[in-house]
PDB file of N, CA and C in Angstrom:
ATOM      1  N   UNK A   1      -3.636 -21.414  26.776  1.00  0.00           N
ATOM      2  CA  UNK A   1      -3.128 -20.398  25.856  1.00  0.00           C
ATOM      3  C   UNK A   1      -1.601 -20.280  25.969  1.00  0.00           C
ATOM      4  N   UNK A   2      -1.110 -20.323  27.193  1.00  0.00           N
ATOM      5  CA  UNK A   2       0.340 -20.252  27.368  1.00  0.00           C
ATOM      6  C   UNK A   2       1.037 -21.423  26.706  1.00  0.00           C
ATOM      7  N   UNK A   3       0.385 -22.578  26.698  1.00  0.00           N
ATOM      8  CA  UNK A   3       0.978 -23.750  26.057  1.00  0.00           C
ATOM      9  C   UNK A   3       1.077 -23.551  24.544  1.00  0.00           C
ATOM     10  N   UNK A   4       0.070 -22.903  23.952  1.00  0.00           N
ATOM     11  CA  UNK A   4       0.105 -22.623  22.510  1.00  0.00           C
ATOM     12  C   UNK A   4       1.284 -21.712  22.190  1.00  0.00           C
ATOM     13  N   UNK A   5       1.447 -20.659  22.984  1.00  0.00           N
ATOM     14  CA  UNK A   5       2.573 -19.760  22.749  1.00  0.00           C
ATOM     15  C   UNK A   5       3.907 -20.472  22.942  1.00  0.00           C
ATOM     16  N   UNK A   6       3.977 -21.339  23.932  1.00  0.00           N
ATOM     17  CA  UNK A   6       5.214 -22.092  24.163  1.00  0.00           C
ATOM     18  C   UNK A   6       5.504 -23.013  22.985  1.00  0.00           C
ATOM     19  N   UNK A   7       4.479 -23.707  22.493  1.00  0.00           N
ATOM     20  CA  UNK A   7       4.668 -24.602  21.342  1.00  0.00           C
ATOM     21  C   UNK A   7       5.027 -23.822  20.086  1.00  0.00           C
ATOM     22  N   UNK A   8       4.503 -22.623  19.957  1.00  0.00           N
ATOM     23  CA  UNK A   8       4.764 -21.837  18.745  1.00  0.00           C
ATOM     24  C   UNK A   8       6.225 -21.427  18.627  1.00  0.00           C
ATOM     25  N   UNK A   9       6.950 -21.416  19.731  1.00  0.00           N
ATOM     26  CA  UNK A   9       8.373 -21.073  19.690  1.00  0.00           C
ATOM     27  C   UNK A   9       9.177 -22.059  18.852  1.00  0.00           C
ATOM     28  N   UNK A  10       8.657 -23.273  18.705  1.00  0.00           N
ATOM     29  CA  UNK A  10       9.368 -24.275  17.901  1.00  0.00           C
ATOM     30  C   UNK A  10       9.050 -24.156  16.407  1.00  0.00           C
ATOM     31  N   UNK A  11       8.097 -23.301  16.049  1.00  0.00           N
ATOM     32  CA  UNK A  11       7.739 -23.090  14.644  1.00  0.00           C
ATOM     33  C   UNK A  11       8.858 -22.293  13.986  1.00  0.00           C
ATOM     34  N   UNK A  12       9.341 -22.811  12.861  1.00  0.00           N
ATOM     35  CA  UNK A  12      10.461 -22.173  12.166  1.00  0.00           C
ATOM     36  C   UNK A  12      10.014 -20.898  11.443  1.00  0.00           C
ATOM     37  N   UNK A  13      10.832 -19.876  11.585  1.00  0.00           N
ATOM     38  CA  UNK A  13      10.619 -18.604  10.903  1.00  0.00           C
ATOM     39  C   UNK A  13      11.929 -18.257  10.228  1.00  0.00           C
ATOM     40  N   UNK A  14      11.975 -18.466   8.920  1.00  0.00           N
ATOM     41  CA  UNK A  14      13.190 -18.266   8.145  1.00  0.00           C
ATOM     42  C   UNK A  14      13.699 -16.831   8.288  1.00  0.00           C
ATOM     43  N   UNK A  15      15.009 -16.676   8.231  1.00  0.00           N
ATOM     44  CA  UNK A  15      15.615 -15.347   8.324  1.00  0.00           C
ATOM     45  C   UNK A  15      15.088 -14.400   7.251  1.00  0.00           C
ATOM     46  N   UNK A  16      14.794 -14.929   6.066  1.00  0.00           N
ATOM     47  CA  UNK A  16      14.265 -14.066   5.001  1.00  0.00           C
ATOM     48  C   UNK A  16      12.890 -13.506   5.386  1.00  0.00           C
ATOM     49  N   UNK A  17      12.111 -14.292   6.130  1.00  0.00           N
ATOM     50  CA  UNK A  17      10.804 -13.810   6.585  1.00  0.00           C
ATOM     51  C   UNK A  17      10.946 -12.796   7.717  1.00  0.00           C
ATOM     52  N   UNK A  18      11.947 -12.984   8.555  1.00  0.00           N
ATOM     53  CA  UNK A  18      12.233 -11.969   9.577  1.00  0.00           C
ATOM     54  C   UNK A  18      12.590 -10.645   8.914  1.00  0.00           C
ATOM     55  N   UNK A  19      13.401 -10.730   7.860  1.00  0.00           N
ATOM     56  CA  UNK A  19      13.757  -9.534   7.104  1.00  0.00           C
ATOM     57  C   UNK A  19      12.544  -8.891   6.456  1.00  0.00           C
ATOM     58  N   UNK A  20      11.647  -9.724   5.939  1.00  0.00           N
ATOM     59  CA  UNK A  20      10.420  -9.216   5.318  1.00  0.00           C
ATOM     60  C   UNK A  20       9.561  -8.479   6.347  1.00  0.00           C
ATOM     61  N   UNK A  21       9.391  -9.070   7.509  1.00  0.00           N
ATOM     62  CA  UNK A  21       8.612  -8.431   8.577  1.00  0.00           C
ATOM     63  C   UNK A  21       9.247  -7.101   8.961  1.00  0.00           C
ATOM     64  N   UNK A  22      10.555  -7.118   9.133  1.00  0.00           N
ATOM     65  CA  UNK A  22      11.276  -5.906   9.513  1.00  0.00           C
ATOM     66  C   UNK A  22      11.132  -4.816   8.460  1.00  0.00           C
ATOM     67  N   UNK A  23      11.250  -5.192   7.199  1.00  0.00           N
ATOM     68  CA  UNK A  23      11.128  -4.217   6.108  1.00  0.00           C
ATOM     69  C   UNK A  23       9.705  -3.676   6.018  1.00  0.00           C
ATOM     70  N   UNK A  24       8.726  -4.540   6.169  1.00  0.00           N
ATOM     71  CA  UNK A  24       7.325  -4.119   6.112  1.00  0.00           C
ATOM     72  C   UNK A  24       7.026  -3.098   7.209  1.00  0.00           C
ATOM     73  N   UNK A  25       7.465  -3.382   8.407  1.00  0.00           N
ATOM     74  CA  UNK A  25       7.237  -2.464   9.522  1.00  0.00           C
ATOM     75  C   UNK A  25       8.029  -1.164   9.320  1.00  0.00           C
ATOM     76  N   UNK A  26       9.259  -1.266   8.856  1.00  0.00           N
ATOM     77  CA  UNK A  26      10.066  -0.069   8.610  1.00  0.00           C
ATOM     78  C   UNK A  26       9.416   0.838   7.575  1.00  0.00           C
ATOM     79  N   UNK A  27       8.812   0.253   6.569  1.00  0.00           N
ATOM     80  CA  UNK A  27       8.156   1.045   5.525  1.00  0.00           C
ATOM     81  C   UNK A  27       6.957   1.833   6.060  1.00  0.00           C
ATOM     82  N   UNK A  28       6.364   1.378   7.155  1.00  0.00           N
ATOM     83  CA  UNK A  28       5.266   2.156   7.732  1.00  0.00           C
ATOM     84  C   UNK A  28       5.766   3.509   8.226  1.00  0.00           C
ATOM     85  N   UNK A  29       7.032   3.566   8.578  1.00  0.00           N
ATOM     86  CA  UNK A  29       7.590   4.820   9.105  1.00  0.00           C
ATOM     87  C   UNK A  29       7.906   5.830   8.004  1.00  0.00           C
ATOM     88  N   UNK A  30       7.872   5.366   6.755  1.00  0.00           N
ATOM     89  CA  UNK A  30       8.192   6.248   5.631  1.00  0.00           C
ATOM     90  C   UNK A  30       7.011   6.502   4.713  1.00  0.00           C
ATOM     91  N   UNK A  31       5.873   5.945   5.011  1.00  0.00           N
ATOM     92  CA  UNK A  31       4.732   6.073   4.110  1.00  0.00           C
ATOM     93  C   UNK A  31       4.195   7.510   4.161  1.00  0.00           C
ATOM     94  N   UNK A  32       3.948   8.095   2.981  1.00  0.00           N
ATOM     95  CA  UNK A  32       3.536   9.506   2.947  1.00  0.00           C
ATOM     96  C   UNK A  32       2.164   9.790   3.565  1.00  0.00           C
ATOM     97  N   UNK A  33       1.354   8.782   3.787  1.00  0.00           N
ATOM     98  CA  UNK A  33       0.026   9.012   4.363  1.00  0.00           C
ATOM     99  C   UNK A  33      -0.041   8.727   5.866  1.00  0.00           C
ATOM    100  N   UNK A  34       1.118   8.437   6.458  1.00  0.00           N
ATOM    101  CA  UNK A  34       1.105   8.110   7.883  1.00  0.00           C
ATOM    102  C   UNK A  34       1.769   9.190   8.726  1.00  0.00           C
ATOM    103  N   UNK A  35       1.098   9.535   9.799  1.00  0.00           N
ATOM    104  CA  UNK A  35       1.630  10.463  10.797  1.00  0.00           C
ATOM    105  C   UNK A  35       2.782   9.789  11.534  1.00  0.00           C
ATOM    106  N   UNK A  36       2.560   8.545  11.935  1.00  0.00           N
ATOM    107  CA  UNK A  36       3.611   7.728  12.499  1.00  0.00           C
ATOM    108  C   UNK A  36       3.401   6.280  12.133  1.00  0.00           C
ATOM    109  N   UNK A  37       4.511   5.569  12.090  1.00  0.00           N
ATOM    110  CA  UNK A  37       4.471   4.170  11.697  1.00  0.00           C
ATOM    111  C   UNK A  37       4.569   3.245  12.892  1.00  0.00           C
ATOM    112  N   UNK A  38       4.634   1.976  12.592  1.00  0.00           N
ATOM    113  CA  UNK A  38       4.671   0.941  13.623  1.00  0.00           C
ATOM    114  C   UNK A  38       6.057   0.880  14.275  1.00  0.00           C
ATOM    115  N   UNK A  39       6.071   0.418  15.504  1.00  0.00           N
ATOM    116  CA  UNK A  39       7.318   0.326  16.257  1.00  0.00           C
ATOM    117  C   UNK A  39       7.924  -1.072  16.135  1.00  0.00           C
ATOM    118  N   UNK A  40       9.031  -1.240  16.795  1.00  0.00           N
ATOM    119  CA  UNK A  40       9.699  -2.531  16.839  1.00  0.00           C
ATOM    120  C   UNK A  40       8.795  -3.592  17.459  1.00  0.00           C
ATOM    121  N   UNK A  41       7.938  -3.184  18.390  1.00  0.00           N
ATOM    122  CA  UNK A  41       7.019  -4.143  19.003  1.00  0.00           C
ATOM    123  C   UNK A  41       6.062  -4.731  17.976  1.00  0.00           C
ATOM    124  N   UNK A  42       5.774  -3.988  16.911  1.00  0.00           N
ATOM    125  CA  UNK A  42       4.930  -4.529  15.837  1.00  0.00           C
ATOM    126  C   UNK A  42       5.641  -5.694  15.148  1.00  0.00           C
ATOM    127  N   UNK A  43       6.952  -5.584  14.977  1.00  0.00           N
ATOM    128  CA  UNK A  43       7.727  -6.696  14.404  1.00  0.00           C
ATOM    129  C   UNK A  43       7.596  -7.929  15.276  1.00  0.00           C
ATOM    130  N   UNK A  44       7.751  -7.740  16.559  1.00  0.00           N
ATOM    131  CA  UNK A  44       7.671  -8.855  17.493  1.00  0.00           C
ATOM    132  C   UNK A  44       6.275  -9.468  17.471  1.00  0.00           C
ATOM    133  N   UNK A  45       5.253  -8.627  17.469  1.00  0.00           N
ATOM    134  CA  UNK A  45       3.877  -9.129  17.447  1.00  0.00           C
ATOM    135  C   UNK A  45       3.593  -9.901  16.163  1.00  0.00           C
ATOM    136  N   UNK A  46       4.060  -9.387  15.041  1.00  0.00           N
ATOM    137  CA  UNK A  46       3.827 -10.058  13.764  1.00  0.00           C
ATOM    138  C   UNK A  46       4.574 -11.392  13.700  1.00  0.00           C
ATOM    139  N   UNK A  47       5.782 -11.411  14.229  1.00  0.00           N
ATOM    140  CA  UNK A  47       6.567 -12.639  14.254  1.00  0.00           C
ATOM    141  C   UNK A  47       5.888 -13.696  15.132  1.00  0.00           C
ATOM    142  N   UNK A  48       5.508 -13.324  16.331  1.00  0.00           N
ATOM    143  CA  UNK A  48       4.893 -14.283  17.256  1.00  0.00           C
ATOM    144  C   UNK A  48       3.543 -14.765  16.743  1.00  0.00           C
ATOM    145  N   UNK A  49       2.769 -13.855  16.210  1.00  0.00           N
ATOM    146  CA  UNK A  49       1.449 -14.226  15.703  1.00  0.00           C
ATOM    147  C   UNK A  49       1.556 -15.127  14.484  1.00  0.00           C
ATOM    148  N   UNK A  50       2.537 -14.868  13.623  1.00  0.00           N
ATOM    149  CA  UNK A  50       2.740 -15.722  12.447  1.00  0.00           C
ATOM    150  C   UNK A  50       3.098 -17.141  12.868  1.00  0.00           C
ATOM    151  N   UNK A  51       3.886 -17.262  13.911  1.00  0.00           N
ATOM    152  CA  UNK A  51       4.243 -18.594  14.414  1.00  0.00           C
ATOM    153  C   UNK A  51       3.018 -19.323  14.958  1.00  0.00           C
ATOM    154  N   UNK A  52       2.197 -18.621  15.722  1.00  0.00           N
ATOM    155  CA  UNK A  52       0.978 -19.235  16.257  1.00  0.00           C
ATOM    156  C   UNK A  52       0.044 -19.619  15.115  1.00  0.00           C
ATOM    157  N   UNK A  53      -0.102 -18.733  14.138  1.00  0.00           N
ATOM    158  CA  UNK A  53      -0.970 -19.007  12.992  1.00  0.00           C
ATOM    159  C   UNK A  53      -0.519 -20.272  12.254  1.00  0.00           C
ATOM    160  N   UNK A  54       0.779 -20.369  12.007  1.00  0.00           N
ATOM    161  CA  UNK A  54       1.306 -21.556  11.323  1.00  0.00           C
ATOM    162  C   UNK A  54       1.005 -22.810  12.138  1.00  0.00           C
ATOM    163  N   UNK A  55       1.176 -22.727  13.432  1.00  0.00           N
ATOM    164  CA  UNK A  55       0.883 -23.864  14.307  1.00  0.00           C
ATOM    165  C   UNK A  55      -0.595 -24.254  14.209  1.00  0.00           C
ATOM    166  N   UNK A  56      -1.468 -23.279  14.202  1.00  0.00           N
ATOM    167  CA  UNK A  56      -2.901 -23.553  14.081  1.00  0.00           C
ATOM    168  C   UNK A  56      -3.276 -24.119  12.713  1.00  0.00           C
ATOM    169  N   UNK A  57      -2.417 -23.862  11.730  1.00  0.00           N
ATOM    170  CA  UNK A  57      -2.612 -24.413  10.389  1.00  0.00           C
ATOM    171  C   UNK A  57      -1.891 -25.759  10.232  1.00  0.00           C
ATOM    172  N   UNK A  58      -1.442 -26.320  11.332  1.00  0.00           N
ATOM    173  CA  UNK A  58      -0.772 -27.627  11.375  1.00  0.00           C
ATOM    174  C   UNK A  58       0.558 -27.635  10.628  1.00  0.00           C
ATOM    175  N   UNK A  59       1.286 -26.516  10.673  1.00  0.00           N
ATOM    176  CA  UNK A  59       2.607 -26.446  10.064  1.00  0.00           C
ATOM    177  C   UNK A  59       3.636 -26.130  11.140  1.00  0.00           C
ATOM    178  N   UNK A  60       4.857 -26.578  10.911  1.00  0.00           N
ATOM    179  CA  UNK A  60       5.936 -26.240  11.838  1.00  0.00           C
ATOM    180  C   UNK A  60       6.850 -25.168  11.238  1.00  0.00           C
ATOM    181  N   UNK A  61       6.334 -24.410  10.289  1.00  0.00           N
ATOM    182  CA  UNK A  61       7.086 -23.335   9.649  1.00  0.00           C
ATOM    183  C   UNK A  61       6.119 -22.242   9.188  1.00  0.00           C
ATOM    184  N   UNK A  62       6.610 -21.035   9.157  1.00  0.00           N
ATOM    185  CA  UNK A  62       5.836 -19.869   8.705  1.00  0.00           C
ATOM    186  C   UNK A  62       6.071 -19.685   7.213  1.00  0.00           C
ATOM    187  N   UNK A  63       5.024 -19.321   6.489  1.00  0.00           N
ATOM    188  CA  UNK A  63       5.132 -19.002   5.071  1.00  0.00           C
ATOM    189  C   UNK A  63       4.810 -17.515   4.875  1.00  0.00           C
ATOM    190  N   UNK A  64       5.256 -16.926   3.769  1.00  0.00           N
ATOM    191  CA  UNK A  64       4.987 -15.507   3.538  1.00  0.00           C
ATOM    192  C   UNK A  64       3.497 -15.143   3.592  1.00  0.00           C
ATOM    193  N   UNK A  65       2.642 -16.025   3.127  1.00  0.00           N
ATOM    194  CA  UNK A  65       1.208 -15.727   3.157  1.00  0.00           C
ATOM    195  C   UNK A  65       0.670 -15.589   4.581  1.00  0.00           C
ATOM    196  N   UNK A  66       1.306 -16.236   5.548  1.00  0.00           N
ATOM    197  CA  UNK A  66       0.892 -16.067   6.945  1.00  0.00           C
ATOM    198  C   UNK A  66       1.067 -14.609   7.357  1.00  0.00           C
ATOM    199  N   UNK A  67       2.182 -14.062   6.997  1.00  0.00           N
ATOM    200  CA  UNK A  67       2.478 -12.668   7.351  1.00  0.00           C
ATOM    201  C   UNK A  67       1.523 -11.729   6.635  1.00  0.00           C
ATOM    202  N   UNK A  68       1.296 -11.981   5.363  1.00  0.00           N
ATOM    203  CA  UNK A  68       0.368 -11.148   4.599  1.00  0.00           C
ATOM    204  C   UNK A  68      -1.034 -11.212   5.194  1.00  0.00           C
ATOM    205  N   UNK A  69      -1.449 -12.386   5.597  1.00  0.00           N
ATOM    206  CA  UNK A  69      -2.778 -12.583   6.183  1.00  0.00           C
ATOM    207  C   UNK A  69      -2.932 -11.833   7.508  1.00  0.00           C
ATOM    208  N   UNK A  70      -1.858 -11.746   8.267  1.00  0.00           N
ATOM    209  CA  UNK A  70      -1.913 -11.155   9.600  1.00  0.00           C
ATOM    210  C   UNK A  70      -1.527  -9.682   9.652  1.00  0.00           C
ATOM    211  N   UNK A  71      -1.019  -9.144   8.568  1.00  0.00           N
ATOM    212  CA  UNK A  71      -0.508  -7.770   8.578  1.00  0.00           C
ATOM    213  C   UNK A  71      -1.567  -6.745   9.006  1.00  0.00           C
ATOM    214  N   UNK A  72      -2.751  -6.830   8.452  1.00  0.00           N
ATOM    215  CA  UNK A  72      -3.773  -5.835   8.806  1.00  0.00           C
ATOM    216  C   UNK A  72      -4.176  -5.907  10.273  1.00  0.00           C
ATOM    217  N   UNK A  73      -4.559  -7.068  10.784  1.00  0.00           N
ATOM    218  CA  UNK A  73      -4.962  -7.074  12.188  1.00  0.00           C
ATOM    219  C   UNK A  73      -3.840  -6.698  13.156  1.00  0.00           C
ATOM    220  N   UNK A  74      -2.605  -6.960  12.778  1.00  0.00           N
ATOM    221  CA  UNK A  74      -1.487  -6.637  13.672  1.00  0.00           C
ATOM    222  C   UNK A  74      -1.073  -5.167  13.543  1.00  0.00           C
ATOM    223  N   UNK A  75      -1.033  -4.645  12.333  1.00  0.00           N
ATOM    224  CA  UNK A  75      -0.506  -3.293  12.117  1.00  0.00           C
ATOM    225  C   UNK A  75      -1.556  -2.185  12.189  1.00  0.00           C
ATOM    226  N   UNK A  76      -2.790  -2.505  11.950  1.00  0.00           N
ATOM    227  CA  UNK A  76      -3.862  -1.503  11.825  1.00  0.00           C
ATOM    228  C   UNK A  76      -3.888  -0.514  12.995  1.00  0.00           C
ATOM    229  N   UNK A  77      -3.790  -0.974  14.198  1.00  0.00           N
ATOM    230  CA  UNK A  77      -3.873  -0.069  15.351  1.00  0.00           C
ATOM    231  C   UNK A  77      -2.507   0.452  15.800  1.00  0.00           C
ATOM    232  N   UNK A  78      -1.465   0.109  15.049  1.00  0.00           N
ATOM    233  CA  UNK A  78      -0.121   0.569  15.406  1.00  0.00           C
ATOM    234  C   UNK A  78       0.369   1.691  14.493  1.00  0.00           C
ATOM    235  N   UNK A  79      -0.490   2.140  13.599  1.00  0.00           N
ATOM    236  CA  UNK A  79      -0.140   3.240  12.699  1.00  0.00           C
ATOM    237  C   UNK A  79      -1.183   4.349  12.865  1.00  0.00           C
ATOM    238  N   UNK A  80      -0.806   5.552  12.474  1.00  0.00           N
ATOM    239  CA  UNK A  80      -1.714   6.696  12.565  1.00  0.00           C
ATOM    240  C   UNK A  80      -1.697   7.444  11.235  1.00  0.00           C
ATOM    241  N   UNK A  81      -2.883   7.610  10.656  1.00  0.00           N
ATOM    242  CA  UNK A  81      -2.996   8.357   9.405  1.00  0.00           C
ATOM    243  C   UNK A  81      -2.714   9.829   9.654  1.00  0.00           C
ATOM    244  N   UNK A  82      -2.096  10.489   8.663  1.00  0.00           N
ATOM    245  CA  UNK A  82      -1.889  11.930   8.777  1.00  0.00           C
ATOM    246  C   UNK A  82      -3.132  12.665   8.275  1.00  0.00           C
ATOM    247  N   UNK A  83      -3.217  13.970   8.483  1.00  0.00           N
ATOM    248  CA  UNK A  83      -4.418  14.711   8.059  1.00  0.00           C
ATOM    249  C   UNK A  83      -4.720  14.579   6.563  1.00  0.00           C
ATOM    250  N   UNK A  84      -3.684  14.562   5.748  1.00  0.00           N
ATOM    251  CA  UNK A  84      -3.885  14.405   4.302  1.00  0.00           C
ATOM    252  C   UNK A  84      -4.607  13.092   3.985  1.00  0.00           C
ATOM    253  N   UNK A  85      -4.215  12.036   4.642  1.00  0.00           N
ATOM    254  CA  UNK A  85      -4.841  10.726   4.427  1.00  0.00           C
ATOM    255  C   UNK A  85      -6.291  10.750   4.869  1.00  0.00           C
ATOM    256  N   UNK A  86      -6.560  11.414   5.972  1.00  0.00           N
ATOM    257  CA  UNK A  86      -7.919  11.469   6.489  1.00  0.00           C
ATOM    258  C   UNK A  86      -8.831  12.228   5.534  1.00  0.00           C
ATOM    259  N   UNK A  87      -8.309  13.294   4.921  1.00  0.00           N
ATOM    260  CA  UNK A  87      -9.087  14.068   3.947  1.00  0.00           C
ATOM    261  C   UNK A  87      -9.317  13.259   2.675  1.00  0.00           C
ATOM    262  N   UNK A  88      -8.321  12.471   2.280  1.00  0.00           N
ATOM    263  CA  UNK A  88      -8.433  11.688   1.046  1.00  0.00           C
ATOM    264  C   UNK A  88      -9.215  10.397   1.244  1.00  0.00           C
ATOM    265  N   UNK A  89      -9.715  10.188   2.451  1.00  0.00           N
ATOM    266  CA  UNK A  89     -10.502   9.004   2.786  1.00  0.00           C
ATOM    267  C   UNK A  89      -9.704   7.710   2.734  1.00  0.00           C
ATOM    268  N   UNK A  90      -8.398   7.827   2.876  1.00  0.00           N
ATOM    269  CA  UNK A  90      -7.568   6.627   2.994  1.00  0.00           C
ATOM    270  C   UNK A  90      -7.867   5.979   4.346  1.00  0.00           C
ATOM    271  N   UNK A  91      -7.592   4.713   4.444  1.00  0.00           N
ATOM    272  CA  UNK A  91      -7.779   3.995   5.703  1.00  0.00           C
ATOM    273  C   UNK A  91      -6.474   3.304   6.082  1.00  0.00           C
ATOM    274  N   UNK A  92      -6.400   2.864   7.306  1.00  0.00           N
ATOM    275  CA  UNK A  92      -5.228   2.107   7.736  1.00  0.00           C
ATOM    276  C   UNK A  92      -5.076   0.866   6.862  1.00  0.00           C
ATOM    277  N   UNK A  93      -6.201   0.206   6.562  1.00  0.00           N
ATOM    278  CA  UNK A  93      -6.143  -1.002   5.733  1.00  0.00           C
ATOM    279  C   UNK A  93      -5.649  -0.701   4.322  1.00  0.00           C
ATOM    280  N   UNK A  94      -6.065   0.423   3.746  1.00  0.00           N
ATOM    281  CA  UNK A  94      -5.605   0.739   2.389  1.00  0.00           C
ATOM    282  C   UNK A  94      -4.108   1.051   2.379  1.00  0.00           C
ATOM    283  N   UNK A  95      -3.611   1.674   3.435  1.00  0.00           N
ATOM    284  CA  UNK A  95      -2.171   1.938   3.534  1.00  0.00           C
ATOM    285  C   UNK A  95      -1.411   0.622   3.684  1.00  0.00           C
ATOM    286  N   UNK A  96      -1.920  -0.292   4.512  1.00  0.00           N
ATOM    287  CA  UNK A  96      -1.264  -1.591   4.679  1.00  0.00           C
ATOM    288  C   UNK A  96      -1.285  -2.365   3.368  1.00  0.00           C
ATOM    289  N   UNK A  97      -2.401  -2.308   2.638  1.00  0.00           N
ATOM    290  CA  UNK A  97      -2.450  -2.941   1.309  1.00  0.00           C
ATOM    291  C   UNK A  97      -1.368  -2.376   0.400  1.00  0.00           C
ATOM    292  N   UNK A  98      -1.184  -1.058   0.436  1.00  0.00           N
ATOM    293  CA  UNK A  98      -0.156  -0.409  -0.374  1.00  0.00           C
ATOM    294  C   UNK A  98       1.233  -0.913   0.016  1.00  0.00           C
ATOM    295  N   UNK A  99       1.471  -1.031   1.313  1.00  0.00           N
ATOM    296  CA  UNK A  99       2.766  -1.526   1.784  1.00  0.00           C
ATOM    297  C   UNK A  99       2.991  -2.979   1.373  1.00  0.00           C
ATOM    298  N   UNK A 100       1.959  -3.780   1.488  1.00  0.00           N
ATOM    299  CA  UNK A 100       2.083  -5.190   1.083  1.00  0.00           C
ATOM    300  C   UNK A 100       2.379  -5.314  -0.410  1.00  0.00           C
ATOM    301  N   UNK A 101       1.852  -4.395  -1.203  1.00  0.00           N
ATOM    302  CA  UNK A 101       2.118  -4.405  -2.632  1.00  0.00           C
ATOM    303  C   UNK A 101       3.545  -3.931  -2.949  1.00  0.00           C
ATOM    304  N   UNK A 102       4.074  -3.034  -2.125  1.00  0.00           N
ATOM    305  CA  UNK A 102       5.397  -2.466  -2.377  1.00  0.00           C
ATOM    306  C   UNK A 102       6.551  -3.354  -1.905  1.00  0.00           C
ATOM    307  N   UNK A 103       6.400  -3.938  -0.746  1.00  0.00           N
ATOM    308  CA  UNK A 103       7.491  -4.705  -0.148  1.00  0.00           C
ATOM    309  C   UNK A 103       7.452  -6.107  -0.737  1.00  0.00           C
ATOM    310  N   UNK A 104       8.532  -6.482  -1.383  1.00  0.00           N
ATOM    311  CA  UNK A 104       8.592  -7.773  -2.069  1.00  0.00           C
ATOM    312  C   UNK A 104       8.688  -8.928  -1.080  1.00  0.00           C
ATOM    313  N   UNK A 105       7.926  -9.975  -1.355  1.00  0.00           N
ATOM    314  CA  UNK A 105       8.025 -11.216  -0.576  1.00  0.00           C
ATOM    315  C   UNK A 105       9.382 -11.840  -0.824  1.00  0.00           C
ATOM    316  N   UNK A 106       9.940 -12.466   0.181  1.00  0.00           N
ATOM    317  CA  UNK A 106      11.173 -13.217  -0.068  1.00  0.00           C
ATOM    318  C   UNK A 106      10.878 -14.429  -0.966  1.00  0.00           C
ATOM    319  N   UNK A 107      11.843 -14.782  -1.766  1.00  0.00           N
ATOM    320  CA  UNK A 107      11.626 -15.926  -2.666  1.00  0.00           C
ATOM    321  C   UNK A 107      12.215 -17.191  -2.120  1.00  0.00           C
TER     322      UNK A 107
END
């Protein structure tokens, strides 16, 4: 497992994708249905996981869809719904879907 993580460091992650990850995580802190949003560690986790995912997909670069694919499993437990969201039956996944729809992919 350590070898996979070491190899994943060579997977390219474009600066525009770093910005996308950062913006996506930052938006969790401003979402009206969240008590609290994801921390900087969520950015790091999403970045590292995207690199590993790309490696497992036999690529030496991360694509925006990698981040979109991994956003829910990475962010779901790093956010907390506020009482209003809980009453409205919103879920962490529905909030992440909303964020993915709002934050534009880099072109």
